[in-house]
Amino acid sequence: MTLGLTVNRLIRDGLYAQWRLVSRLQSGRVSSAAIMKTVQLAIRDSDYAQSLRNLLLRDGTHRVYLVDQPNLRLDGVVVIDENRFQNLASLDTEPERFVVVTRKGADNLSRVWEAGIRHVVFEEDSPNTTQLAIIAAELRLPRDGAVSKMARPVEH
């Protein structure tokens, strides 16, 4: 499957899922508290973080936190700068929950990949692209009703 087809599929599936969710919320068939997804944004570019936060809040299904240091005891996706991920990734047993924002360059990408992180965007990418990476990471997380490995104390 080519990258273009994968991105198109993510967009289609993500938008369709959001549409279904909004329809269910509007009809009263689902409680919004039951399906809220948590995203922690720990990125140094405050304008980018704010734009991304606004995009995520617009669909009504995200609880978004702008943080300096993510709380790994919270379920959900963590968006983090490449220079911060190294310490956190080693503490977490679910690297698929991270979206790393990095500079273009083979050294950075190989370190991120070796840490088990599969969702990477570049600093130059638009907030819309990062939103797609967050949706992709959410699709890899345990479904409702599954026991989360993330709800545990963080060891120091």
Protein backbone atom coordinates (compact mmCIF):
# COMPACT_ATOMS: atom_id res chain seq x y z
CA MET A 1 0.00 0.00 0.00
CA THR A 2 1.43 3.38 -0.91
CA LEU A 3 1.77 6.28 1.50
CA GLY A 4 -0.86 8.25 -0.43
CA LEU A 5 -3.40 5.44 -0.12
CA THR A 6 -2.62 5.03 3.56
CA VAL A 7 -3.08 8.75 4.25
CA ASN A 8 -6.30 8.81 2.21
CA ARG A 9 -7.59 5.81 4.13
CA LEU A 10 -6.75 7.45 7.46
CA ILE A 11 -8.52 10.63 6.41
CA ARG A 12 -11.57 8.73 5.15
CA ASP A 13 -11.78 6.42 8.18
CA GLY A 14 -11.04 9.19 10.65
CA LEU A 15 -13.58 11.61 9.18
CA TYR A 16 -16.21 8.88 8.89
CA ALA A 17 -15.64 7.84 12.51
CA GLN A 18 -15.91 11.46 13.64
CA TRP A 19 -19.12 11.94 11.63
CA ARG A 20 -20.66 8.79 13.15
CA LEU A 21 -19.67 9.87 16.62
CA VAL A 22 -21.06 13.38 16.22
CA SER A 23 -24.31 11.90 14.83
CA ARG A 24 -24.59 9.55 17.80
CA LEU A 25 -23.86 12.34 20.27
CA GLN A 26 -26.46 14.61 18.68
CA SER A 27 -29.08 11.89 18.76
CA GLY A 28 -28.36 11.23 22.44
CA ARG A 29 -27.43 7.58 21.87
CA VAL A 30 -23.96 8.06 23.39
CA SER A 31 -22.77 10.07 26.35
CA SER A 32 -19.92 12.43 25.43
CA ALA A 33 -18.13 11.62 28.69
CA ALA A 34 -17.99 7.94 27.73
CA ILE A 35 -16.06 8.47 24.52
CA MET A 36 -13.79 11.44 25.20
CA LYS A 37 -10.21 10.77 24.13
CA THR A 38 -7.29 12.32 25.99
CA VAL A 39 -4.42 13.97 24.15
CA GLN A 40 -1.47 15.58 25.91
CA LEU A 41 0.49 18.11 23.87
CA ALA A 42 4.04 18.51 25.18
CA ILE A 43 5.57 20.52 22.35
CA ARG A 44 7.61 23.67 22.68
CA ASP A 45 6.06 25.59 19.75
CA SER A 46 3.12 27.17 21.56
CA ASP A 47 1.44 28.50 18.39
CA TYR A 48 1.56 25.06 16.78
CA ALA A 49 0.29 23.45 20.00
CA GLN A 50 -2.60 25.91 20.20
CA SER A 51 -3.57 25.32 16.54
CA LEU A 52 -3.48 21.56 17.08
CA ARG A 53 -5.49 21.90 20.29
CA ASN A 54 -8.17 23.90 18.47
CA LEU A 55 -8.38 21.27 15.70
CA LEU A 56 -8.80 18.46 18.20
CA LEU A 57 -11.37 20.28 20.31
CA ARG A 58 -13.46 21.13 17.26
CA ASP A 59 -14.72 17.54 16.84
CA GLY A 60 -16.02 17.40 20.41
CA THR A 61 -14.42 14.04 21.20
CA HIS A 62 -11.08 15.12 22.65
CA ARG A 63 -9.90 16.30 26.02
CA VAL A 64 -6.68 18.18 25.23
CA TYR A 65 -4.01 19.20 27.72
CA LEU A 66 -1.13 21.57 26.95
CA VAL A 67 1.64 20.33 29.25
CA ASP A 68 5.34 20.79 29.86
CA GLN A 69 5.72 17.21 31.11
CA PRO A 70 3.13 14.57 30.15
CA ASN A 71 1.51 12.46 32.82
CA LEU A 72 2.06 8.87 31.69
CA ARG A 73 -0.61 7.62 34.10
CA LEU A 74 -3.29 9.20 31.90
CA ASP A 75 -4.65 7.08 29.08
CA GLY A 76 -4.50 8.47 25.57
CA VAL A 77 -2.07 9.90 23.07
CA VAL A 78 1.01 11.93 23.95
CA VAL A 79 2.38 14.36 21.35
CA ILE A 80 5.94 15.23 22.22
CA ASP A 81 9.01 16.91 20.77
CA GLU A 82 11.75 14.59 19.60
CA ASN A 83 14.23 15.97 22.13
CA ARG A 84 11.92 14.98 25.03
CA PHE A 85 10.69 11.56 23.93
CA GLN A 86 13.83 9.58 24.78
CA ASN A 87 13.31 9.70 28.55
CA LEU A 88 9.56 9.17 28.44
CA ALA A 89 9.47 6.39 25.89
CA SER A 90 11.65 4.20 28.08
CA LEU A 91 9.18 4.60 30.97
CA ASP A 92 6.10 3.64 28.97
CA THR A 93 5.18 0.13 27.84
CA GLU A 94 3.02 1.38 24.96
CA PRO A 95 5.17 3.39 22.54
CA GLU A 96 2.32 3.33 19.99
CA ARG A 97 0.57 6.01 22.06
CA PHE A 98 3.28 8.57 21.25
CA VAL A 99 3.32 10.96 18.31
CA VAL A 100 6.79 12.49 17.98
CA VAL A 101 7.41 15.84 16.32
CA THR A 102 10.93 15.83 14.89
CA ARG A 103 13.27 17.59 12.49
CA LYS A 104 13.92 15.99 9.14
CA GLY A 105 17.02 13.84 9.32
CA ALA A 106 17.88 10.14 9.31
CA ASP A 107 19.52 10.17 12.76
CA ASN A 108 16.41 11.48 14.49
CA LEU A 109 14.10 9.10 12.67
CA SER A 110 16.17 6.01 13.39
CA ARG A 111 16.30 6.79 17.14
CA VAL A 112 12.54 7.31 17.23
CA TRP A 113 11.90 4.09 15.29
CA GLU A 114 14.26 2.07 17.51
CA ALA A 115 12.29 3.26 20.54
CA GLY A 116 9.20 1.59 19.05
CA ILE A 117 7.41 4.79 18.08
CA ARG A 118 5.51 4.52 14.80
CA HIS A 119 3.79 7.91 14.61
CA VAL A 120 6.13 10.68 13.51
CA VAL A 121 5.50 14.10 12.02
CA PHE A 122 7.97 16.77 11.03
CA GLU A 123 8.18 20.24 12.54
CA GLU A 124 7.29 21.66 9.11
CA ASP A 125 4.10 19.57 8.81
CA SER A 126 0.72 21.23 9.24
CA PRO A 127 -1.39 20.71 12.37
CA ASN A 128 -3.83 18.77 10.12
CA THR A 129 -1.10 16.21 9.41
CA THR A 130 -0.38 15.89 13.12
CA GLN A 131 -4.09 15.43 13.77
CA LEU A 132 -4.04 12.47 11.36
CA ALA A 133 -1.08 10.97 13.22
CA ILE A 134 -3.02 11.36 16.49
CA ILE A 135 -6.03 9.59 14.97
CA ALA A 136 -3.75 6.79 13.76
CA ALA A 137 -2.28 6.45 17.26
CA GLU A 138 -5.78 6.40 18.79
CA LEU A 139 -6.76 3.57 16.47
CA ARG A 140 -3.90 1.49 17.92
CA LEU A 141 -4.93 2.07 21.54
CA PRO A 142 -7.06 -0.45 23.46
CA ARG A 143 -10.78 -0.14 22.76
CA ASP A 144 -13.38 0.79 25.39
CA GLY A 145 -13.78 -1.98 27.91
CA ALA A 146 -10.25 -3.25 27.45
CA VAL A 147 -7.94 -3.20 30.43
CA SER A 148 -5.47 -0.38 29.99
CA LYS A 149 -1.83 -0.99 30.76
CA MET A 150 -1.35 2.77 31.05
CA ALA A 151 -3.29 3.33 34.26
CA ARG A 152 -0.42 2.60 36.59
CA PRO A 153 1.98 4.54 38.77
CA VAL A 154 5.05 5.94 37.05
CA GLU A 155 8.33 4.63 38.43
CA HIS A 156 11.12 7.12 38.95
